[in-house]
Amino acid sequence: MVLIDTSVLIEYFRKQDKTKTFLYDLAGKHTEIYVSTISKFEIWVGNRPSHSAFWQNLFSTLKTLPFGDAEAEKAGDIQQTLLKTGQ
């Protein structure tokens, strides 16, 4: 399972040659690629109506992870651990 960030989505959107993107590379190596509801929100905030079909099509190929209280707490714990180890 891989969870991608908004920056990965934007890179995929912007590059003409999709085969030279990080998302394309991940798709060749992993069968389960997820996007969080937060990343979806960020995309829709910056979306233009002319790009909606692109995003709807892409999101239909990815699995979505919800982000609620439990996820926020776990993400905070992970971030603290990473910071303590200098990552």
PDB file of N, CA and C in Angstrom:
ATOM      1  N   MET A   1       0.840  -1.178   0.000  1.00  0.00           N
ATOM      2  CA  MET A   1       0.000   0.000   0.000  1.00  0.00           C
ATOM      3  C   MET A   1       0.883   1.239   0.000  1.00  0.00           C
ATOM      4  N   VAL A   2       0.535   2.200  -0.832  1.00  0.00           N
ATOM      5  CA  VAL A   2       1.262   3.459  -0.920  1.00  0.00           C
ATOM      6  C   VAL A   2       0.250   4.595  -0.826  1.00  0.00           C
ATOM      7  N   LEU A   3       0.551   5.571   0.012  1.00  0.00           N
ATOM      8  CA  LEU A   3      -0.279   6.770   0.129  1.00  0.00           C
ATOM      9  C   LEU A   3       0.462   7.919  -0.537  1.00  0.00           C
ATOM     10  N   ILE A   4      -0.158   8.505  -1.570  1.00  0.00           N
ATOM     11  CA  ILE A   4       0.496   9.591  -2.280  1.00  0.00           C
ATOM     12  C   ILE A   4       0.003  10.943  -1.780  1.00  0.00           C
ATOM     13  N   ASP A   5       0.844  11.933  -1.950  1.00  0.00           N
ATOM     14  CA  ASP A   5       0.557  13.289  -1.512  1.00  0.00           C
ATOM     15  C   ASP A   5       0.093  14.132  -2.702  1.00  0.00           C
ATOM     16  N   THR A   6      -0.412  15.290  -2.391  1.00  0.00           N
ATOM     17  CA  THR A   6      -0.900  16.213  -3.417  1.00  0.00           C
ATOM     18  C   THR A   6       0.175  16.552  -4.437  1.00  0.00           C
ATOM     19  N   SER A   7       1.408  16.686  -3.994  1.00  0.00           N
ATOM     20  CA  SER A   7       2.489  17.043  -4.921  1.00  0.00           C
ATOM     21  C   SER A   7       2.666  15.986  -6.014  1.00  0.00           C
ATOM     22  N   VAL A   8       2.442  14.730  -5.690  1.00  0.00           N
ATOM     23  CA  VAL A   8       2.537  13.644  -6.672  1.00  0.00           C
ATOM     24  C   VAL A   8       1.408  13.771  -7.699  1.00  0.00           C
ATOM     25  N   LEU A   9       0.228  14.123  -7.227  1.00  0.00           N
ATOM     26  CA  LEU A   9      -0.910  14.312  -8.125  1.00  0.00           C
ATOM     27  C   LEU A   9      -0.685  15.493  -9.070  1.00  0.00           C
ATOM     28  N   ILE A  10      -0.187  16.574  -8.530  1.00  0.00           N
ATOM     29  CA  ILE A  10       0.039  17.768  -9.345  1.00  0.00           C
ATOM     30  C   ILE A  10       1.123  17.522 -10.388  1.00  0.00           C
ATOM     31  N   GLU A  11       2.178  16.819 -10.009  1.00  0.00           N
ATOM     32  CA  GLU A  11       3.219  16.494 -10.982  1.00  0.00           C
ATOM     33  C   GLU A  11       2.618  15.688 -12.136  1.00  0.00           C
ATOM     34  N   TYR A  12       1.787  14.713 -11.803  1.00  0.00           N
ATOM     35  CA  TYR A  12       1.156  13.881 -12.826  1.00  0.00           C
ATOM     36  C   TYR A  12       0.262  14.724 -13.738  1.00  0.00           C
ATOM     37  N   PHE A  13      -0.468  15.636 -13.163  1.00  0.00           N
ATOM     38  CA  PHE A  13      -1.344  16.514 -13.932  1.00  0.00           C
ATOM     39  C   PHE A  13      -0.538  17.394 -14.895  1.00  0.00           C
ATOM     40  N   ARG A  14       0.540  17.969 -14.410  1.00  0.00           N
ATOM     41  CA  ARG A  14       1.293  18.961 -15.177  1.00  0.00           C
ATOM     42  C   ARG A  14       2.149  18.382 -16.302  1.00  0.00           C
ATOM     43  N   LYS A  15       2.702  17.199 -16.110  1.00  0.00           N
ATOM     44  CA  LYS A  15       3.625  16.648 -17.114  1.00  0.00           C
ATOM     45  C   LYS A  15       2.867  16.097 -18.312  1.00  0.00           C
ATOM     46  N   GLN A  16       3.341  16.483 -19.476  1.00  0.00           N
ATOM     47  CA  GLN A  16       2.761  15.966 -20.722  1.00  0.00           C
ATOM     48  C   GLN A  16       3.001  14.466 -20.838  1.00  0.00           C
ATOM     49  N   ASP A  17       4.233  14.056 -20.579  1.00  0.00           N
ATOM     50  CA  ASP A  17       4.600  12.642 -20.673  1.00  0.00           C
ATOM     51  C   ASP A  17       4.388  11.988 -19.311  1.00  0.00           C
ATOM     52  N   LYS A  18       3.225  11.389 -19.135  1.00  0.00           N
ATOM     53  CA  LYS A  18       2.853  10.786 -17.844  1.00  0.00           C
ATOM     54  C   LYS A  18       3.801   9.654 -17.447  1.00  0.00           C
ATOM     55  N   THR A  19       4.482   9.050 -18.414  1.00  0.00           N
ATOM     56  CA  THR A  19       5.394   7.942 -18.101  1.00  0.00           C
ATOM     57  C   THR A  19       6.635   8.427 -17.353  1.00  0.00           C
ATOM     58  N   LYS A  20       6.848   9.721 -17.300  1.00  0.00           N
ATOM     59  CA  LYS A  20       8.010  10.274 -16.600  1.00  0.00           C
ATOM     60  C   LYS A  20       7.628  10.885 -15.261  1.00  0.00           C
ATOM     61  N   THR A  21       6.561  10.372 -14.663  1.00  0.00           N
ATOM     62  CA  THR A  21       6.100  10.891 -13.375  1.00  0.00           C
ATOM     63  C   THR A  21       6.293   9.853 -12.277  1.00  0.00           C
ATOM     64  N   PHE A  22       6.336  10.346 -11.070  1.00  0.00           N
ATOM     65  CA  PHE A  22       6.477   9.484  -9.905  1.00  0.00           C
ATOM     66  C   PHE A  22       5.258   8.570  -9.762  1.00  0.00           C
ATOM     67  N   LEU A  23       4.072   9.100 -10.035  1.00  0.00           N
ATOM     68  CA  LEU A  23       2.858   8.290  -9.927  1.00  0.00           C
ATOM     69  C   LEU A  23       2.877   7.131 -10.923  1.00  0.00           C
ATOM     70  N   TYR A  24       3.300   7.389 -12.131  1.00  0.00           N
ATOM     71  CA  TYR A  24       3.400   6.331 -13.137  1.00  0.00           C
ATOM     72  C   TYR A  24       4.365   5.246 -12.665  1.00  0.00           C
ATOM     73  N   ASP A  25       5.495   5.669 -12.113  1.00  0.00           N
ATOM     74  CA  ASP A  25       6.483   4.727 -11.595  1.00  0.00           C
ATOM     75  C   ASP A  25       5.890   3.899 -10.457  1.00  0.00           C
ATOM     76  N   LEU A  26       5.190   4.547  -9.549  1.00  0.00           N
ATOM     77  CA  LEU A  26       4.558   3.829  -8.432  1.00  0.00           C
ATOM     78  C   LEU A  26       3.529   2.823  -8.929  1.00  0.00           C
ATOM     79  N   ALA A  27       2.752   3.219  -9.914  1.00  0.00           N
ATOM     80  CA  ALA A  27       1.702   2.339 -10.442  1.00  0.00           C
ATOM     81  C   ALA A  27       2.275   1.062 -11.046  1.00  0.00           C
ATOM     82  N   GLY A  28       3.504   1.144 -11.535  1.00  0.00           N
ATOM     83  CA  GLY A  28       4.149  -0.044 -12.077  1.00  0.00           C
ATOM     84  C   GLY A  28       4.681  -0.981 -11.009  1.00  0.00           C
ATOM     85  N   LYS A  29       4.791  -0.485  -9.783  1.00  0.00           N
ATOM     86  CA  LYS A  29       5.367  -1.275  -8.691  1.00  0.00           C
ATOM     87  C   LYS A  29       4.357  -1.678  -7.620  1.00  0.00           C
ATOM     88  N   HIS A  30       3.240  -0.970  -7.531  1.00  0.00           N
ATOM     89  CA  HIS A  30       2.265  -1.211  -6.458  1.00  0.00           C
ATOM     90  C   HIS A  30       0.860  -1.326  -7.037  1.00  0.00           C
ATOM     91  N   THR A  31       0.102  -2.247  -6.481  1.00  0.00           N
ATOM     92  CA  THR A  31      -1.265  -2.423  -6.952  1.00  0.00           C
ATOM     93  C   THR A  31      -2.256  -1.592  -6.148  1.00  0.00           C
ATOM     94  N   GLU A  32      -1.870  -1.201  -4.953  1.00  0.00           N
ATOM     95  CA  GLU A  32      -2.774  -0.418  -4.111  1.00  0.00           C
ATOM     96  C   GLU A  32      -2.180   0.955  -3.857  1.00  0.00           C
ATOM     97  N   ILE A  33      -2.701   1.955  -4.565  1.00  0.00           N
ATOM     98  CA  ILE A  33      -2.259   3.332  -4.388  1.00  0.00           C
ATOM     99  C   ILE A  33      -3.436   4.114  -3.825  1.00  0.00           C
ATOM    100  N   TYR A  34      -3.168   4.796  -2.722  1.00  0.00           N
ATOM    101  CA  TYR A  34      -4.205   5.530  -2.025  1.00  0.00           C
ATOM    102  C   TYR A  34      -3.935   7.028  -2.064  1.00  0.00           C
ATOM    103  N   VAL A  35      -5.005   7.779  -1.935  1.00  0.00           N
ATOM    104  CA  VAL A  35      -4.950   9.225  -1.781  1.00  0.00           C
ATOM    105  C   VAL A  35      -5.820   9.548  -0.563  1.00  0.00           C
ATOM    106  N   SER A  36      -5.419  10.538   0.216  1.00  0.00           N
ATOM    107  CA  SER A  36      -6.224  10.889   1.388  1.00  0.00           C
ATOM    108  C   SER A  36      -7.304  11.890   1.015  1.00  0.00           C
ATOM    109  N   THR A  37      -8.307  11.967   1.841  1.00  0.00           N
ATOM    110  CA  THR A  37      -9.359  12.951   1.623  1.00  0.00           C
ATOM    111  C   THR A  37      -8.793  14.368   1.682  1.00  0.00           C
ATOM    112  N   ILE A  38      -7.727  14.569   2.425  1.00  0.00           N
ATOM    113  CA  ILE A  38      -7.093  15.886   2.496  1.00  0.00           C
ATOM    114  C   ILE A  38      -6.496  16.262   1.141  1.00  0.00           C
ATOM    115  N   SER A  39      -5.800  15.327   0.509  1.00  0.00           N
ATOM    116  CA  SER A  39      -5.229  15.602  -0.819  1.00  0.00           C
ATOM    117  C   SER A  39      -6.330  15.878  -1.840  1.00  0.00           C
ATOM    118  N   LYS A  40      -7.414  15.119  -1.769  1.00  0.00           N
ATOM    119  CA  LYS A  40      -8.531  15.382  -2.670  1.00  0.00           C
ATOM    120  C   LYS A  40      -9.076  16.791  -2.456  1.00  0.00           C
ATOM    121  N   PHE A  41      -9.224  17.169  -1.210  1.00  0.00           N
ATOM    122  CA  PHE A  41      -9.685  18.519  -0.886  1.00  0.00           C
ATOM    123  C   PHE A  41      -8.755  19.571  -1.483  1.00  0.00           C
ATOM    124  N   GLU A  42      -7.453  19.384  -1.310  1.00  0.00           N
ATOM    125  CA  GLU A  42      -6.485  20.351  -1.836  1.00  0.00           C
ATOM    126  C   GLU A  42      -6.585  20.476  -3.357  1.00  0.00           C
ATOM    127  N   ILE A  43      -6.774  19.356  -4.030  1.00  0.00           N
ATOM    128  CA  ILE A  43      -6.924  19.389  -5.492  1.00  0.00           C
ATOM    129  C   ILE A  43      -8.188  20.137  -5.881  1.00  0.00           C
ATOM    130  N   TRP A  44      -9.301  19.829  -5.230  1.00  0.00           N
ATOM    131  CA  TRP A  44     -10.562  20.468  -5.605  1.00  0.00           C
ATOM    132  C   TRP A  44     -10.560  21.959  -5.292  1.00  0.00           C
ATOM    133  N   VAL A  45      -9.834  22.377  -4.276  1.00  0.00           N
ATOM    134  CA  VAL A  45      -9.739  23.810  -3.976  1.00  0.00           C
ATOM    135  C   VAL A  45      -9.074  24.551  -5.129  1.00  0.00           C
ATOM    136  N   GLY A  46      -8.033  23.968  -5.707  1.00  0.00           N
ATOM    137  CA  GLY A  46      -7.306  24.605  -6.795  1.00  0.00           C
ATOM    138  C   GLY A  46      -7.802  24.253  -8.184  1.00  0.00           C
ATOM    139  N   ASN A  47      -8.864  23.478  -8.260  1.00  0.00           N
ATOM    140  CA  ASN A  47      -9.349  22.977  -9.541  1.00  0.00           C
ATOM    141  C   ASN A  47     -10.035  24.054 -10.374  1.00  0.00           C
ATOM    142  N   ARG A  48      -9.845  23.931 -11.679  1.00  0.00           N
ATOM    143  CA  ARG A  48     -10.615  24.718 -12.647  1.00  0.00           C
ATOM    144  C   ARG A  48     -11.674  23.785 -13.239  1.00  0.00           C
ATOM    145  N   PRO A  49     -12.840  24.305 -13.535  1.00  0.00           N
ATOM    146  CA  PRO A  49     -13.887  23.434 -14.107  1.00  0.00           C
ATOM    147  C   PRO A  49     -13.421  22.659 -15.350  1.00  0.00           C
ATOM    148  N   SER A  50     -12.539  23.257 -16.134  1.00  0.00           N
ATOM    149  CA  SER A  50     -12.061  22.579 -17.340  1.00  0.00           C
ATOM    150  C   SER A  50     -11.181  21.370 -17.035  1.00  0.00           C
ATOM    151  N   HIS A  51     -10.720  21.244 -15.784  1.00  0.00           N
ATOM    152  CA  HIS A  51      -9.866  20.120 -15.392  1.00  0.00           C
ATOM    153  C   HIS A  51     -10.619  19.057 -14.582  1.00  0.00           C
ATOM    154  N   SER A  52     -11.873  19.297 -14.306  1.00  0.00           N
ATOM    155  CA  SER A  52     -12.638  18.386 -13.442  1.00  0.00           C
ATOM    156  C   SER A  52     -12.681  16.954 -13.960  1.00  0.00           C
ATOM    157  N   ALA A  53     -12.857  16.788 -15.255  1.00  0.00           N
ATOM    158  CA  ALA A  53     -12.927  15.429 -15.812  1.00  0.00           C
ATOM    159  C   ALA A  53     -11.618  14.686 -15.598  1.00  0.00           C
ATOM    160  N   PHE A  54     -10.489  15.385 -15.750  1.00  0.00           N
ATOM    161  CA  PHE A  54      -9.188  14.752 -15.512  1.00  0.00           C
ATOM    162  C   PHE A  54      -9.115  14.233 -14.082  1.00  0.00           C
ATOM    163  N   TRP A  55      -9.459  15.097 -13.122  1.00  0.00           N
ATOM    164  CA  TRP A  55      -9.353  14.703 -11.708  1.00  0.00           C
ATOM    165  C   TRP A  55     -10.346  13.610 -11.352  1.00  0.00           C
ATOM    166  N   GLN A  56     -11.554  13.708 -11.838  1.00  0.00           N
ATOM    167  CA  GLN A  56     -12.539  12.660 -11.555  1.00  0.00           C
ATOM    168  C   GLN A  56     -12.073  11.312 -12.097  1.00  0.00           C
ATOM    169  N   ASN A  57     -11.512  11.315 -13.291  1.00  0.00           N
ATOM    170  CA  ASN A  57     -11.002  10.085 -13.884  1.00  0.00           C
ATOM    171  C   ASN A  57      -9.832   9.531 -13.067  1.00  0.00           C
ATOM    172  N   LEU A  58      -8.899  10.384 -12.700  1.00  0.00           N
ATOM    173  CA  LEU A  58      -7.750   9.922 -11.914  1.00  0.00           C
ATOM    174  C   LEU A  58      -8.191   9.389 -10.560  1.00  0.00           C
ATOM    175  N   PHE A  59      -9.048  10.127  -9.870  1.00  0.00           N
ATOM    176  CA  PHE A  59      -9.495   9.688  -8.544  1.00  0.00           C
ATOM    177  C   PHE A  59     -10.286   8.384  -8.617  1.00  0.00           C
ATOM    178  N   SER A  60     -10.910   8.108  -9.743  1.00  0.00           N
ATOM    179  CA  SER A  60     -11.654   6.852  -9.872  1.00  0.00           C
ATOM    180  C   SER A  60     -10.712   5.648  -9.929  1.00  0.00           C
ATOM    181  N   THR A  61      -9.429   5.884 -10.211  1.00  0.00           N
ATOM    182  CA  THR A  61      -8.459   4.791 -10.287  1.00  0.00           C
ATOM    183  C   THR A  61      -7.697   4.592  -8.978  1.00  0.00           C
ATOM    184  N   LEU A  62      -7.872   5.519  -8.033  1.00  0.00           N
ATOM    185  CA  LEU A  62      -7.160   5.456  -6.757  1.00  0.00           C
ATOM    186  C   LEU A  62      -8.126   5.135  -5.635  1.00  0.00           C
ATOM    187  N   LYS A  63      -7.615   4.529  -4.591  1.00  0.00           N
ATOM    188  CA  LYS A  63      -8.419   4.273  -3.409  1.00  0.00           C
ATOM    189  C   LYS A  63      -8.274   5.477  -2.478  1.00  0.00           C
ATOM    190  N   THR A  64      -9.338   5.788  -1.759  1.00  0.00           N
ATOM    191  CA  THR A  64      -9.336   6.954  -0.881  1.00  0.00           C
ATOM    192  C   THR A  64      -9.308   6.532   0.581  1.00  0.00           C
ATOM    193  N   LEU A  65      -8.388   7.148   1.332  1.00  0.00           N
ATOM    194  CA  LEU A  65      -8.346   6.935   2.776  1.00  0.00           C
ATOM    195  C   LEU A  65      -9.001   8.131   3.467  1.00  0.00           C
ATOM    196  N   PRO A  66      -9.916   7.857   4.377  1.00  0.00           N
ATOM    197  CA  PRO A  66     -10.533   8.959   5.112  1.00  0.00           C
ATOM    198  C   PRO A  66      -9.524   9.578   6.078  1.00  0.00           C
ATOM    199  N   PHE A  67      -9.802  10.780   6.508  1.00  0.00           N
ATOM    200  CA  PHE A  67      -8.941  11.437   7.491  1.00  0.00           C
ATOM    201  C   PHE A  67      -9.827  12.083   8.538  1.00  0.00           C
ATOM    202  N   GLY A  68      -9.928  11.407   9.670  1.00  0.00           N
ATOM    203  CA  GLY A  68     -10.734  11.885  10.784  1.00  0.00           C
ATOM    204  C   GLY A  68      -9.871  11.991  12.031  1.00  0.00           C
ATOM    205  N   ASP A  69     -10.499  11.975  13.179  1.00  0.00           N
ATOM    206  CA  ASP A  69      -9.792  12.125  14.449  1.00  0.00           C
ATOM    207  C   ASP A  69      -8.750  11.038  14.682  1.00  0.00           C
ATOM    208  N   ALA A  70      -9.121   9.789  14.448  1.00  0.00           N
ATOM    209  CA  ALA A  70      -8.182   8.688  14.686  1.00  0.00           C
ATOM    210  C   ALA A  70      -6.970   8.793  13.768  1.00  0.00           C
ATOM    211  N   GLU A  71      -7.212   9.160  12.518  1.00  0.00           N
ATOM    212  CA  GLU A  71      -6.117   9.292  11.556  1.00  0.00           C
ATOM    213  C   GLU A  71      -5.225  10.484  11.905  1.00  0.00           C
ATOM    214  N   ALA A  72      -5.826  11.562  12.362  1.00  0.00           N
ATOM    215  CA  ALA A  72      -5.042  12.738  12.753  1.00  0.00           C
ATOM    216  C   ALA A  72      -4.128  12.413  13.935  1.00  0.00           C
ATOM    217  N   GLU A  73      -4.641  11.670  14.904  1.00  0.00           N
ATOM    218  CA  GLU A  73      -3.829  11.286  16.063  1.00  0.00           C
ATOM    219  C   GLU A  73      -2.679  10.371  15.644  1.00  0.00           C
ATOM    220  N   LYS A  74      -2.965   9.391  14.824  1.00  0.00           N
ATOM    221  CA  LYS A  74      -1.924   8.469  14.360  1.00  0.00           C
ATOM    222  C   LYS A  74      -0.882   9.206  13.532  1.00  0.00           C
ATOM    223  N   ALA A  75      -1.312  10.107  12.650  1.00  0.00           N
ATOM    224  CA  ALA A  75      -0.379  10.883  11.829  1.00  0.00           C
ATOM    225  C   ALA A  75       0.518  11.741  12.715  1.00  0.00           C
ATOM    226  N   GLY A  76      -0.043  12.306  13.777  1.00  0.00           N
ATOM    227  CA  GLY A  76       0.755  13.089  14.719  1.00  0.00           C
ATOM    228  C   GLY A  76       1.803  12.234  15.406  1.00  0.00           C
ATOM    229  N   ASP A  77       1.427  11.035  15.812  1.00  0.00           N
ATOM    230  CA  ASP A  77       2.381  10.115  16.445  1.00  0.00           C
ATOM    231  C   ASP A  77       3.515   9.759  15.484  1.00  0.00           C
ATOM    232  N   ILE A  78       3.167   9.469  14.260  1.00  0.00           N
ATOM    233  CA  ILE A  78       4.182   9.122  13.252  1.00  0.00           C
ATOM    234  C   ILE A  78       5.115  10.302  13.018  1.00  0.00           C
ATOM    235  N   GLN A  79       4.553  11.500  12.900  1.00  0.00           N
ATOM    236  CA  GLN A  79       5.368  12.693  12.673  1.00  0.00           C
ATOM    237  C   GLN A  79       6.328  12.939  13.836  1.00  0.00           C
ATOM    238  N   GLN A  80       5.859  12.771  15.056  1.00  0.00           N
ATOM    239  CA  GLN A  80       6.746  12.945  16.222  1.00  0.00           C
ATOM    240  C   GLN A  80       7.892  11.942  16.184  1.00  0.00           C
ATOM    241  N   THR A  81       7.614  10.716  15.851  1.00  0.00           N
ATOM    242  CA  THR A  81       8.653   9.688  15.758  1.00  0.00           C
ATOM    243  C   THR A  81       9.668  10.057  14.694  1.00  0.00           C
ATOM    244  N   LEU A  82       9.196  10.490  13.535  1.00  0.00           N
ATOM    245  CA  LEU A  82      10.103  10.882  12.460  1.00  0.00           C
ATOM    246  C   LEU A  82      10.971  12.071  12.860  1.00  0.00           C
ATOM    247  N   LEU A  83      10.387  13.048  13.511  1.00  0.00           N
ATOM    248  CA  LEU A  83      11.153  14.213  13.948  1.00  0.00           C
ATOM    249  C   LEU A  83      12.235  13.839  14.959  1.00  0.00           C
ATOM    250  N   LYS A  84      11.903  12.935  15.863  1.00  0.00           N
ATOM    251  CA  LYS A  84      12.869  12.496  16.880  1.00  0.00           C
ATOM    252  C   LYS A  84      14.059  11.771  16.263  1.00  0.00           C
ATOM    253  N   THR A  85      13.827  11.136  15.110  1.00  0.00           N
ATOM    254  CA  THR A  85      14.915  10.396  14.459  1.00  0.00           C
ATOM    255  C   THR A  85      15.546  11.200  13.318  1.00  0.00           C
ATOM    256  N   GLY A  86      15.163  12.468  13.206  1.00  0.00           N
ATOM    257  CA  GLY A  86      15.770  13.338  12.205  1.00  0.00           C
ATOM    258  C   GLY A  86      15.309  13.078  10.778  1.00  0.00           C
ATOM    259  N   GLN A  87      14.134  12.518  10.651  1.00  0.00           N
ATOM    260  CA  GLN A  87      13.620  12.222   9.296  1.00  0.00           C
ATOM    261  C   GLN A  87      12.523  13.198   8.930  1.00  0.00           C
TER     262      GLN A  87
END
